[in-house]
Amino acid sequence: MPLFTSAQQFTKADSQFYRQIIKRALTDKTNYHTAVNKVLPDKKTAISVAEPILFNGYGKDQIIAEKPYNVALIDGYWIMSGTLPDGYVGGTFLIVLSEKNGRVIKMTHGK
């Protein structure tokens, strides 16, 4: 398996090799190995993963303006949403992340 430093580029053959790894990982459910049981084990980690995703999708200023966040772990999923200041009308973001693998299950923003 090829390894790279930050200065190296993938060749066409490397890309094909890694495409095969991705394809196998997505189709072979028995080949799932991880060094940790939970990728997002706590609230702090869940927020640190969710914020850049939300910033990219809805803008950093918008998401920061929706602090404090509501964050809860429910049935193995981190549910995170924004809040509005008192007297404001509108929507906030909602993101749902898998505690086990960090996958984004849902991401929306109300109006």
PDB file of N, CA and C in Angstrom:
ATOM      1  N   MET A   1       0.850  -1.178   0.000  1.00  0.00           N
ATOM      2  CA  MET A   1       0.000   0.000   0.000  1.00  0.00           C
ATOM      3  C   MET A   1       0.894   1.238   0.000  1.00  0.00           C
ATOM      4  N   PRO A   2       0.663   2.157  -0.925  1.00  0.00           N
ATOM      5  CA  PRO A   2       1.487   3.358  -0.980  1.00  0.00           C
ATOM      6  C   PRO A   2       1.199   4.296   0.190  1.00  0.00           C
ATOM      7  N   LEU A   3       2.235   4.950   0.674  1.00  0.00           N
ATOM      8  CA  LEU A   3       2.102   5.978   1.700  1.00  0.00           C
ATOM      9  C   LEU A   3       2.672   7.263   1.152  1.00  0.00           C
ATOM     10  N   PHE A   4       2.111   8.395   1.572  1.00  0.00           N
ATOM     11  CA  PHE A   4       2.500   9.670   0.999  1.00  0.00           C
ATOM     12  C   PHE A   4       2.832  10.670   2.086  1.00  0.00           C
ATOM     13  N   THR A   5       3.743  11.584   1.752  1.00  0.00           N
ATOM     14  CA  THR A   5       3.943  12.762   2.579  1.00  0.00           C
ATOM     15  C   THR A   5       3.099  13.864   1.975  1.00  0.00           C
ATOM     16  N   SER A   6       2.983  14.986   2.642  1.00  0.00           N
ATOM     17  CA  SER A   6       2.132  16.065   2.146  1.00  0.00           C
ATOM     18  C   SER A   6       2.629  16.627   0.813  1.00  0.00           C
ATOM     19  N   ALA A   7       3.883  16.431   0.476  1.00  0.00           N
ATOM     20  CA  ALA A   7       4.428  16.987  -0.762  1.00  0.00           C
ATOM     21  C   ALA A   7       4.202  16.079  -1.967  1.00  0.00           C
ATOM     22  N   GLN A   8       3.771  14.839  -1.764  1.00  0.00           N
ATOM     23  CA  GLN A   8       3.588  13.906  -2.860  1.00  0.00           C
ATOM     24  C   GLN A   8       2.170  13.979  -3.422  1.00  0.00           C
ATOM     25  N   GLN A   9       2.028  13.564  -4.678  1.00  0.00           N
ATOM     26  CA  GLN A   9       0.739  13.555  -5.354  1.00  0.00           C
ATOM     27  C   GLN A   9       0.335  12.118  -5.665  1.00  0.00           C
ATOM     28  N   PHE A  10      -0.972  11.891  -5.696  1.00  0.00           N
ATOM     29  CA  PHE A  10      -1.480  10.592  -6.114  1.00  0.00           C
ATOM     30  C   PHE A  10      -1.275  10.422  -7.613  1.00  0.00           C
ATOM     31  N   THR A  11      -0.847   9.237  -8.011  1.00  0.00           N
ATOM     32  CA  THR A  11      -0.790   8.916  -9.434  1.00  0.00           C
ATOM     33  C   THR A  11      -2.127   8.306  -9.831  1.00  0.00           C
ATOM     34  N   LYS A  12      -2.338   8.097 -11.096  1.00  0.00           N
ATOM     35  CA  LYS A  12      -3.576   7.468 -11.583  1.00  0.00           C
ATOM     36  C   LYS A  12      -3.714   6.066 -10.986  1.00  0.00           C
ATOM     37  N   ALA A  13      -2.604   5.336 -10.916  1.00  0.00           N
ATOM     38  CA  ALA A  13      -2.638   3.991 -10.339  1.00  0.00           C
ATOM     39  C   ALA A  13      -2.990   4.040  -8.848  1.00  0.00           C
ATOM     40  N   ASP A  14      -2.456   5.040  -8.133  1.00  0.00           N
ATOM     41  CA  ASP A  14      -2.788   5.197  -6.717  1.00  0.00           C
ATOM     42  C   ASP A  14      -4.279   5.450  -6.544  1.00  0.00           C
ATOM     43  N   SER A  15      -4.822   6.339  -7.372  1.00  0.00           N
ATOM     44  CA  SER A  15      -6.248   6.658  -7.285  1.00  0.00           C
ATOM     45  C   SER A  15      -7.095   5.425  -7.516  1.00  0.00           C
ATOM     46  N   GLN A  16      -6.726   4.604  -8.480  1.00  0.00           N
ATOM     47  CA  GLN A  16      -7.469   3.371  -8.749  1.00  0.00           C
ATOM     48  C   GLN A  16      -7.389   2.427  -7.549  1.00  0.00           C
ATOM     49  N   PHE A  17      -6.207   2.316  -6.960  1.00  0.00           N
ATOM     50  CA  PHE A  17      -6.009   1.469  -5.784  1.00  0.00           C
ATOM     51  C   PHE A  17      -6.932   1.909  -4.645  1.00  0.00           C
ATOM     52  N   TYR A  18      -6.965   3.217  -4.375  1.00  0.00           N
ATOM     53  CA  TYR A  18      -7.784   3.719  -3.278  1.00  0.00           C
ATOM     54  C   TYR A  18      -9.272   3.664  -3.598  1.00  0.00           C
ATOM     55  N   ARG A  19      -9.642   3.786  -4.862  1.00  0.00           N
ATOM     56  CA  ARG A  19     -11.051   3.603  -5.236  1.00  0.00           C
ATOM     57  C   ARG A  19     -11.521   2.193  -4.892  1.00  0.00           C
ATOM     58  N   GLN A  20     -10.649   1.216  -5.102  1.00  0.00           N
ATOM     59  CA  GLN A  20     -10.999  -0.170  -4.764  1.00  0.00           C
ATOM     60  C   GLN A  20     -11.163  -0.343  -3.250  1.00  0.00           C
ATOM     61  N   ILE A  21     -10.308   0.304  -2.479  1.00  0.00           N
ATOM     62  CA  ILE A  21     -10.439   0.248  -1.017  1.00  0.00           C
ATOM     63  C   ILE A  21     -11.774   0.850  -0.589  1.00  0.00           C
ATOM     64  N   ILE A  22     -12.122   1.998  -1.166  1.00  0.00           N
ATOM     65  CA  ILE A  22     -13.393   2.642  -0.824  1.00  0.00           C
ATOM     66  C   ILE A  22     -14.559   1.749  -1.211  1.00  0.00           C
ATOM     67  N   LYS A  23     -14.519   1.202  -2.407  1.00  0.00           N
ATOM     68  CA  LYS A  23     -15.608   0.334  -2.883  1.00  0.00           C
ATOM     69  C   LYS A  23     -15.797  -0.865  -1.947  1.00  0.00           C
ATOM     70  N   ARG A  24     -14.702  -1.506  -1.562  1.00  0.00           N
ATOM     71  CA  ARG A  24     -14.801  -2.644  -0.644  1.00  0.00           C
ATOM     72  C   ARG A  24     -15.333  -2.225   0.719  1.00  0.00           C
ATOM     73  N   ALA A  25     -14.887  -1.080   1.203  1.00  0.00           N
ATOM     74  CA  ALA A  25     -15.335  -0.607   2.522  1.00  0.00           C
ATOM     75  C   ALA A  25     -16.829  -0.325   2.523  1.00  0.00           C
ATOM     76  N   LEU A  26     -17.358   0.161   1.408  1.00  0.00           N
ATOM     77  CA  LEU A  26     -18.781   0.488   1.329  1.00  0.00           C
ATOM     78  C   LEU A  26     -19.671  -0.725   1.089  1.00  0.00           C
ATOM     79  N   THR A  27     -19.113  -1.784   0.529  1.00  0.00           N
ATOM     80  CA  THR A  27     -19.938  -2.950   0.201  1.00  0.00           C
ATOM     81  C   THR A  27     -19.733  -4.135   1.137  1.00  0.00           C
ATOM     82  N   ASP A  28     -18.569  -4.288   1.722  1.00  0.00           N
ATOM     83  CA  ASP A  28     -18.282  -5.442   2.581  1.00  0.00           C
ATOM     84  C   ASP A  28     -18.461  -5.067   4.040  1.00  0.00           C
ATOM     85  N   LYS A  29     -19.630  -5.307   4.574  1.00  0.00           N
ATOM     86  CA  LYS A  29     -19.941  -4.934   5.959  1.00  0.00           C
ATOM     87  C   LYS A  29     -19.194  -5.794   6.981  1.00  0.00           C
ATOM     88  N   THR A  30     -18.691  -6.952   6.578  1.00  0.00           N
ATOM     89  CA  THR A  30     -17.944  -7.810   7.506  1.00  0.00           C
ATOM     90  C   THR A  30     -16.510  -7.334   7.679  1.00  0.00           C
ATOM     91  N   ASN A  31     -16.057  -6.433   6.835  1.00  0.00           N
ATOM     92  CA  ASN A  31     -14.684  -5.960   6.865  1.00  0.00           C
ATOM     93  C   ASN A  31     -14.561  -4.641   7.622  1.00  0.00           C
ATOM     94  N   TYR A  32     -15.422  -4.425   8.596  1.00  0.00           N
ATOM     95  CA  TYR A  32     -15.415  -3.171   9.341  1.00  0.00           C
ATOM     96  C   TYR A  32     -14.562  -3.333  10.598  1.00  0.00           C
ATOM     97  N   HIS A  33     -13.408  -2.698  10.603  1.00  0.00           N
ATOM     98  CA  HIS A  33     -12.499  -2.753  11.749  1.00  0.00           C
ATOM     99  C   HIS A  33     -12.154  -1.332  12.150  1.00  0.00           C
ATOM    100  N   THR A  34     -12.190  -1.070  13.427  1.00  0.00           N
ATOM    101  CA  THR A  34     -11.802   0.242  13.914  1.00  0.00           C
ATOM    102  C   THR A  34     -11.087   0.077  15.245  1.00  0.00           C
ATOM    103  N   ALA A  35     -10.215   1.012  15.528  1.00  0.00           N
ATOM    104  CA  ALA A  35      -9.455   0.941  16.770  1.00  0.00           C
ATOM    105  C   ALA A  35     -10.252   1.481  17.957  1.00  0.00           C
ATOM    106  N   VAL A  36     -11.366   2.139  17.673  1.00  0.00           N
ATOM    107  CA  VAL A  36     -12.190   2.702  18.735  1.00  0.00           C
ATOM    108  C   VAL A  36     -13.636   2.260  18.556  1.00  0.00           C
ATOM    109  N   ASN A  37     -14.360   2.178  19.662  1.00  0.00           N
ATOM    110  CA  ASN A  37     -15.766   1.785  19.598  1.00  0.00           C
ATOM    111  C   ASN A  37     -16.662   2.939  19.169  1.00  0.00           C
ATOM    112  N   LYS A  38     -16.258   4.158  19.497  1.00  0.00           N
ATOM    113  CA  LYS A  38     -17.062   5.336  19.200  1.00  0.00           C
ATOM    114  C   LYS A  38     -16.156   6.445  18.680  1.00  0.00           C
ATOM    115  N   VAL A  39     -16.426   6.912  17.481  1.00  0.00           N
ATOM    116  CA  VAL A  39     -15.640   7.995  16.899  1.00  0.00           C
ATOM    117  C   VAL A  39     -15.951   9.318  17.601  1.00  0.00           C
ATOM    118  N   LEU A  40     -17.211   9.494  18.023  1.00  0.00           N
ATOM    119  CA  LEU A  40     -17.634  10.707  18.732  1.00  0.00           C
ATOM    120  C   LEU A  40     -18.050  10.329  20.156  1.00  0.00           C
ATOM    121  N   PRO A  41     -17.086  10.098  21.046  1.00  0.00           N
ATOM    122  CA  PRO A  41     -17.402   9.567  22.366  1.00  0.00           C
ATOM    123  C   PRO A  41     -17.999  10.571  23.351  1.00  0.00           C
ATOM    124  N   ASP A  42     -17.857  11.882  23.057  1.00  0.00           N
ATOM    125  CA  ASP A  42     -18.349  12.869  24.022  1.00  0.00           C
ATOM    126  C   ASP A  42     -18.854  14.116  23.305  1.00  0.00           C
ATOM    127  N   LYS A  43     -19.516  14.966  24.073  1.00  0.00           N
ATOM    128  CA  LYS A  43     -20.132  16.186  23.546  1.00  0.00           C
ATOM    129  C   LYS A  43     -19.114  17.107  22.881  1.00  0.00           C
ATOM    130  N   LYS A  44     -17.977  17.301  23.519  1.00  0.00           N
ATOM    131  CA  LYS A  44     -16.943  18.198  22.991  1.00  0.00           C
ATOM    132  C   LYS A  44     -16.471  17.732  21.613  1.00  0.00           C
ATOM    133  N   THR A  45     -16.242  16.447  21.450  1.00  0.00           N
ATOM    134  CA  THR A  45     -15.799  15.896  20.170  1.00  0.00           C
ATOM    135  C   THR A  45     -16.890  16.040  19.117  1.00  0.00           C
ATOM    136  N   ALA A  46     -18.125  15.769  19.498  1.00  0.00           N
ATOM    137  CA  ALA A  46     -19.241  15.894  18.558  1.00  0.00           C
ATOM    138  C   ALA A  46     -19.353  17.328  18.036  1.00  0.00           C
ATOM    139  N   ILE A  47     -19.230  18.305  18.917  1.00  0.00           N
ATOM    140  CA  ILE A  47     -19.301  19.711  18.509  1.00  0.00           C
ATOM    141  C   ILE A  47     -18.126  20.057  17.598  1.00  0.00           C
ATOM    142  N   SER A  48     -16.929  19.567  17.939  1.00  0.00           N
ATOM    143  CA  SER A  48     -15.747  19.906  17.139  1.00  0.00           C
ATOM    144  C   SER A  48     -15.817  19.314  15.732  1.00  0.00           C
ATOM    145  N   VAL A  49     -16.564  18.236  15.559  1.00  0.00           N
ATOM    146  CA  VAL A  49     -16.765  17.653  14.231  1.00  0.00           C
ATOM    147  C   VAL A  49     -17.912  18.363  13.508  1.00  0.00           C
ATOM    148  N   ALA A  50     -18.983  18.660  14.215  1.00  0.00           N
ATOM    149  CA  ALA A  50     -20.166  19.265  13.601  1.00  0.00           C
ATOM    150  C   ALA A  50     -19.922  20.699  13.133  1.00  0.00           C
ATOM    151  N   GLU A  51     -19.217  21.488  13.920  1.00  0.00           N
ATOM    152  CA  GLU A  51     -19.058  22.907  13.579  1.00  0.00           C
ATOM    153  C   GLU A  51     -18.465  23.152  12.183  1.00  0.00           C
ATOM    154  N   PRO A  52     -17.334  22.546  11.822  1.00  0.00           N
ATOM    155  CA  PRO A  52     -16.801  22.820  10.477  1.00  0.00           C
ATOM    156  C   PRO A  52     -17.763  22.415   9.359  1.00  0.00           C
ATOM    157  N   ILE A  53     -18.506  21.356   9.572  1.00  0.00           N
ATOM    158  CA  ILE A  53     -19.493  20.918   8.580  1.00  0.00           C
ATOM    159  C   ILE A  53     -20.592  21.976   8.460  1.00  0.00           C
ATOM    160  N   LEU A  54     -21.084  22.444   9.592  1.00  0.00           N
ATOM    161  CA  LEU A  54     -22.121  23.472   9.601  1.00  0.00           C
ATOM    162  C   LEU A  54     -21.609  24.796   9.051  1.00  0.00           C
ATOM    163  N   PHE A  55     -20.397  25.188   9.412  1.00  0.00           N
ATOM    164  CA  PHE A  55     -19.807  26.427   8.909  1.00  0.00           C
ATOM    165  C   PHE A  55     -19.746  26.397   7.384  1.00  0.00           C
ATOM    166  N   ASN A  56     -19.324  25.270   6.840  1.00  0.00           N
ATOM    167  CA  ASN A  56     -19.216  25.120   5.395  1.00  0.00           C
ATOM    168  C   ASN A  56     -20.589  25.189   4.725  1.00  0.00           C
ATOM    169  N   GLY A  57     -21.584  24.607   5.366  1.00  0.00           N
ATOM    170  CA  GLY A  57     -22.912  24.558   4.773  1.00  0.00           C
ATOM    171  C   GLY A  57     -23.725  25.825   4.908  1.00  0.00           C
ATOM    172  N   TYR A  58     -23.600  26.506   6.048  1.00  0.00           N
ATOM    173  CA  TYR A  58     -24.491  27.629   6.332  1.00  0.00           C
ATOM    174  C   TYR A  58     -23.770  28.926   6.690  1.00  0.00           C
ATOM    175  N   GLY A  59     -22.461  28.888   6.763  1.00  0.00           N
ATOM    176  CA  GLY A  59     -21.683  30.078   7.101  1.00  0.00           C
ATOM    177  C   GLY A  59     -21.339  30.126   8.576  1.00  0.00           C
ATOM    178  N   LYS A  60     -20.086  30.425   8.859  1.00  0.00           N
ATOM    179  CA  LYS A  60     -19.599  30.443  10.240  1.00  0.00           C
ATOM    180  C   LYS A  60     -20.347  31.465  11.087  1.00  0.00           C
ATOM    181  N   ASP A  61     -20.541  32.678  10.560  1.00  0.00           N
ATOM    182  CA  ASP A  61     -21.222  33.720  11.336  1.00  0.00           C
ATOM    183  C   ASP A  61     -22.640  33.296  11.711  1.00  0.00           C
ATOM    184  N   GLN A  62     -23.338  32.669  10.765  1.00  0.00           N
ATOM    185  CA  GLN A  62     -24.713  32.214  11.017  1.00  0.00           C
ATOM    186  C   GLN A  62     -24.748  31.183  12.151  1.00  0.00           C
ATOM    187  N   ILE A  63     -23.874  30.200  12.090  1.00  0.00           N
ATOM    188  CA  ILE A  63     -23.877  29.121  13.095  1.00  0.00           C
ATOM    189  C   ILE A  63     -23.447  29.654  14.454  1.00  0.00           C
ATOM    190  N   ILE A  64     -22.405  30.465  14.510  1.00  0.00           N
ATOM    191  CA  ILE A  64     -21.938  31.033  15.774  1.00  0.00           C
ATOM    192  C   ILE A  64     -23.048  31.873  16.413  1.00  0.00           C
ATOM    193  N   ALA A  65     -23.835  32.567  15.580  1.00  0.00           N
ATOM    194  CA  ALA A  65     -24.934  33.385  16.095  1.00  0.00           C
ATOM    195  C   ALA A  65     -26.028  32.543  16.748  1.00  0.00           C
ATOM    196  N   GLU A  66     -26.021  31.251  16.494  1.00  0.00           N
ATOM    197  CA  GLU A  66     -27.040  30.356  17.045  1.00  0.00           C
ATOM    198  C   GLU A  66     -26.586  29.659  18.330  1.00  0.00           C
ATOM    199  N   LYS A  67     -25.497  30.134  18.922  1.00  0.00           N
ATOM    200  CA  LYS A  67     -25.062  29.624  20.229  1.00  0.00           C
ATOM    201  C   LYS A  67     -25.958  30.214  21.299  1.00  0.00           C
ATOM    202  N   PRO A  68     -26.170  29.558  22.400  1.00  0.00           N
ATOM    203  CA  PRO A  68     -25.621  28.254  22.772  1.00  0.00           C
ATOM    204  C   PRO A  68     -26.324  27.129  22.011  1.00  0.00           C
ATOM    205  N   TYR A  69     -25.555  26.082  21.725  1.00  0.00           N
ATOM    206  CA  TYR A  69     -26.092  24.925  21.037  1.00  0.00           C
ATOM    207  C   TYR A  69     -26.858  24.034  22.012  1.00  0.00           C
ATOM    208  N   ASN A  70     -27.860  23.365  21.494  1.00  0.00           N
ATOM    209  CA  ASN A  70     -28.507  22.269  22.219  1.00  0.00           C
ATOM    210  C   ASN A  70     -27.846  20.994  21.714  1.00  0.00           C
ATOM    211  N   VAL A  71     -27.278  20.200  22.601  1.00  0.00           N
ATOM    212  CA  VAL A  71     -26.569  18.986  22.193  1.00  0.00           C
ATOM    213  C   VAL A  71     -26.978  17.849  23.115  1.00  0.00           C
ATOM    214  N   ALA A  72     -27.360  16.718  22.512  1.00  0.00           N
ATOM    215  CA  ALA A  72     -27.752  15.550  23.311  1.00  0.00           C
ATOM    216  C   ALA A  72     -27.372  14.279  22.564  1.00  0.00           C
ATOM    217  N   LEU A  73     -27.030  13.258  23.319  1.00  0.00           N
ATOM    218  CA  LEU A  73     -26.774  11.926  22.777  1.00  0.00           C
ATOM    219  C   LEU A  73     -28.037  11.107  22.994  1.00  0.00           C
ATOM    220  N   ILE A  74     -28.657  10.675  21.897  1.00  0.00           N
ATOM    221  CA  ILE A  74     -29.894   9.904  21.980  1.00  0.00           C
ATOM    222  C   ILE A  74     -29.744   8.653  21.115  1.00  0.00           C
ATOM    223  N   ASP A  75     -29.826   7.490  21.748  1.00  0.00           N
ATOM    224  CA  ASP A  75     -29.781   6.201  21.043  1.00  0.00           C
ATOM    225  C   ASP A  75     -28.587   6.075  20.089  1.00  0.00           C
ATOM    226  N   GLY A  76     -27.420   6.570  20.504  1.00  0.00           N
ATOM    227  CA  GLY A  76     -26.212   6.436  19.692  1.00  0.00           C
ATOM    228  C   GLY A  76     -26.028   7.516  18.637  1.00  0.00           C
ATOM    229  N   TYR A  77     -26.831   8.574  18.709  1.00  0.00           N
ATOM    230  CA  TYR A  77     -26.731   9.668  17.746  1.00  0.00           C
ATOM    231  C   TYR A  77     -26.644  10.993  18.483  1.00  0.00           C
ATOM    232  N   TRP A  78     -25.680  11.821  18.061  1.00  0.00           N
ATOM    233  CA  TRP A  78     -25.568  13.170  18.600  1.00  0.00           C
ATOM    234  C   TRP A  78     -26.530  14.066  17.834  1.00  0.00           C
ATOM    235  N   ILE A  79     -27.446  14.694  18.543  1.00  0.00           N
ATOM    236  CA  ILE A  79     -28.393  15.641  17.986  1.00  0.00           C
ATOM    237  C   ILE A  79     -27.919  17.017  18.437  1.00  0.00           C
ATOM    238  N   MET A  80     -27.712  17.916  17.487  1.00  0.00           N
ATOM    239  CA  MET A  80     -27.226  19.243  17.816  1.00  0.00           C
ATOM    240  C   MET A  80     -28.050  20.261  17.041  1.00  0.00           C
ATOM    241  N   SER A  81     -28.513  21.288  17.742  1.00  0.00           N
ATOM    242  CA  SER A  81     -29.275  22.347  17.087  1.00  0.00           C
ATOM    243  C   SER A  81     -28.885  23.686  17.683  1.00  0.00           C
ATOM    244  N   GLY A  82     -29.224  24.741  16.953  1.00  0.00           N
ATOM    245  CA  GLY A  82     -28.940  26.086  17.418  1.00  0.00           C
ATOM    246  C   GLY A  82     -30.097  26.641  18.218  1.00  0.00           C
ATOM    247  N   THR A  83     -29.872  27.793  18.815  1.00  0.00           N
ATOM    248  CA  THR A  83     -30.928  28.504  19.529  1.00  0.00           C
ATOM    249  C   THR A  83     -31.018  29.921  18.963  1.00  0.00           C
ATOM    250  N   LEU A  84     -32.172  30.526  19.137  1.00  0.00           N
ATOM    251  CA  LEU A  84     -32.378  31.912  18.731  1.00  0.00           C
ATOM    252  C   LEU A  84     -32.446  32.793  19.971  1.00  0.00           C
ATOM    253  N   PRO A  85     -31.964  34.010  19.862  1.00  0.00           N
ATOM    254  CA  PRO A  85     -32.098  34.938  20.999  1.00  0.00           C
ATOM    255  C   PRO A  85     -33.584  35.195  21.295  1.00  0.00           C
ATOM    256  N   ASP A  86     -33.895  35.537  22.523  1.00  0.00           N
ATOM    257  CA  ASP A  86     -35.267  35.848  22.908  1.00  0.00           C
ATOM    258  C   ASP A  86     -35.844  36.917  21.983  1.00  0.00           C
ATOM    259  N   GLY A  87     -37.066  36.690  21.551  1.00  0.00           N
ATOM    260  CA  GLY A  87     -37.751  37.652  20.702  1.00  0.00           C
ATOM    261  C   GLY A  87     -37.504  37.479  19.214  1.00  0.00           C
ATOM    262  N   TYR A  88     -36.547  36.636  18.820  1.00  0.00           N
ATOM    263  CA  TYR A  88     -36.271  36.413  17.407  1.00  0.00           C
ATOM    264  C   TYR A  88     -37.209  35.343  16.867  1.00  0.00           C
ATOM    265  N   VAL A  89     -37.567  35.482  15.596  1.00  0.00           N
ATOM    266  CA  VAL A  89     -38.385  34.494  14.911  1.00  0.00           C
ATOM    267  C   VAL A  89     -37.568  33.953  13.757  1.00  0.00           C
ATOM    268  N   GLY A  90     -37.605  32.660  13.559  1.00  0.00           N
ATOM    269  CA  GLY A  90     -36.860  32.052  12.457  1.00  0.00           C
ATOM    270  C   GLY A  90     -36.459  30.643  12.800  1.00  0.00           C
ATOM    271  N   GLY A  91     -35.583  30.095  12.010  1.00  0.00           N
ATOM    272  CA  GLY A  91     -35.150  28.718  12.208  1.00  0.00           C
ATOM    273  C   GLY A  91     -33.690  28.638  12.598  1.00  0.00           C
ATOM    274  N   THR A  92     -33.307  27.469  13.006  1.00  0.00           N
ATOM    275  CA  THR A  92     -31.917  27.200  13.381  1.00  0.00           C
ATOM    276  C   THR A  92     -31.463  25.925  12.681  1.00  0.00           C
ATOM    277  N   PHE A  93     -30.175  25.654  12.789  1.00  0.00           N
ATOM    278  CA  PHE A  93     -29.639  24.431  12.197  1.00  0.00           C
ATOM    279  C   PHE A  93     -30.014  23.221  13.046  1.00  0.00           C
ATOM    280  N   LEU A  94     -29.960  22.061  12.404  1.00  0.00           N
ATOM    281  CA  LEU A  94     -30.097  20.774  13.075  1.00  0.00           C
ATOM    282  C   LEU A  94     -29.127  19.835  12.380  1.00  0.00           C
ATOM    283  N   ILE A  95     -28.309  19.157  13.163  1.00  0.00           N
ATOM    284  CA  ILE A  95     -27.413  18.157  12.594  1.00  0.00           C
ATOM    285  C   ILE A  95     -27.479  16.921  13.477  1.00  0.00           C
ATOM    286  N   VAL A  96     -27.466  15.756  12.843  1.00  0.00           N
ATOM    287  CA  VAL A  96     -27.488  14.473  13.535  1.00  0.00           C
ATOM    288  C   VAL A  96     -26.265  13.694  13.076  1.00  0.00           C
ATOM    289  N   LEU A  97     -25.433  13.277  14.038  1.00  0.00           N
ATOM    290  CA  LEU A  97     -24.197  12.544  13.751  1.00  0.00           C
ATOM    291  C   LEU A  97     -24.203  11.204  14.461  1.00  0.00           C
ATOM    292  N   SER A  98     -23.704  10.180  13.801  1.00  0.00           N
ATOM    293  CA  SER A  98     -23.561   8.871  14.422  1.00  0.00           C
ATOM    294  C   SER A  98     -22.418   8.895  15.430  1.00  0.00           C
ATOM    295  N   GLU A  99     -22.714   8.488  16.647  1.00  0.00           N
ATOM    296  CA  GLU A  99     -21.681   8.395  17.681  1.00  0.00           C
ATOM    297  C   GLU A  99     -20.628   7.364  17.281  1.00  0.00           C
ATOM    298  N   LYS A 100     -21.040   6.293  16.645  1.00  0.00           N
ATOM    299  CA  LYS A 100     -20.157   5.179  16.320  1.00  0.00           C
ATOM    300  C   LYS A 100     -19.132   5.529  15.242  1.00  0.00           C
ATOM    301  N   ASN A 101     -19.596   6.172  14.135  1.00  0.00           N
ATOM    302  CA  ASN A 101     -18.679   6.395  13.024  1.00  0.00           C
ATOM    303  C   ASN A 101     -18.577   7.848  12.562  1.00  0.00           C
ATOM    304  N   GLY A 102     -19.296   8.759  13.192  1.00  0.00           N
ATOM    305  CA  GLY A 102     -19.214  10.172  12.853  1.00  0.00           C
ATOM    306  C   GLY A 102     -19.997  10.574  11.621  1.00  0.00           C
ATOM    307  N   ARG A 103     -20.714   9.657  11.023  1.00  0.00           N
ATOM    308  CA  ARG A 103     -21.471   9.930   9.790  1.00  0.00           C
ATOM    309  C   ARG A 103     -22.567  10.969  10.044  1.00  0.00           C
ATOM    310  N   VAL A 104     -22.712  11.883   9.079  1.00  0.00           N
ATOM    311  CA  VAL A 104     -23.804  12.855   9.133  1.00  0.00           C
ATOM    312  C   VAL A 104     -25.072  12.140   8.672  1.00  0.00           C
ATOM    313  N   ILE A 105     -26.048  12.035   9.563  1.00  0.00           N
ATOM    314  CA  ILE A 105     -27.309  11.359   9.259  1.00  0.00           C
ATOM    315  C   ILE A 105     -28.305  12.355   8.666  1.00  0.00           C
ATOM    316  N   LYS A 106     -28.284  13.590   9.182  1.00  0.00           N
ATOM    317  CA  LYS A 106     -29.190  14.629   8.714  1.00  0.00           C
ATOM    318  C   LYS A 106     -28.566  15.979   9.019  1.00  0.00           C
ATOM    319  N   MET A 107     -28.812  16.942   8.123  1.00  0.00           N
ATOM    320  CA  MET A 107     -28.359  18.305   8.350  1.00  0.00           C
ATOM    321  C   MET A 107     -29.345  19.235   7.656  1.00  0.00           C
ATOM    322  N   THR A 108     -29.945  20.135   8.420  1.00  0.00           N
ATOM    323  CA  THR A 108     -30.913  21.075   7.850  1.00  0.00           C
ATOM    324  C   THR A 108     -30.764  22.429   8.545  1.00  0.00           C
ATOM    325  N   HIS A 109     -31.420  23.411   7.946  1.00  0.00           N
ATOM    326  CA  HIS A 109     -31.522  24.724   8.591  1.00  0.00           C
ATOM    327  C   HIS A 109     -32.895  25.280   8.293  1.00  0.00           C
ATOM    328  N   GLY A 110     -33.630  25.623   9.336  1.00  0.00           N
ATOM    329  CA  GLY A 110     -34.961  26.196   9.172  1.00  0.00           C
ATOM    330  C   GLY A 110     -34.881  27.651   8.760  1.00  0.00           C
ATOM    331  N   LYS A 111     -36.048  28.172   8.377  1.00  0.00           N
ATOM    332  CA  LYS A 111     -36.110  29.580   7.950  1.00  0.00           C
ATOM    333  C   LYS A 111     -36.917  30.392   8.934  1.00  0.00           C
TER     334      LYS A 111
END
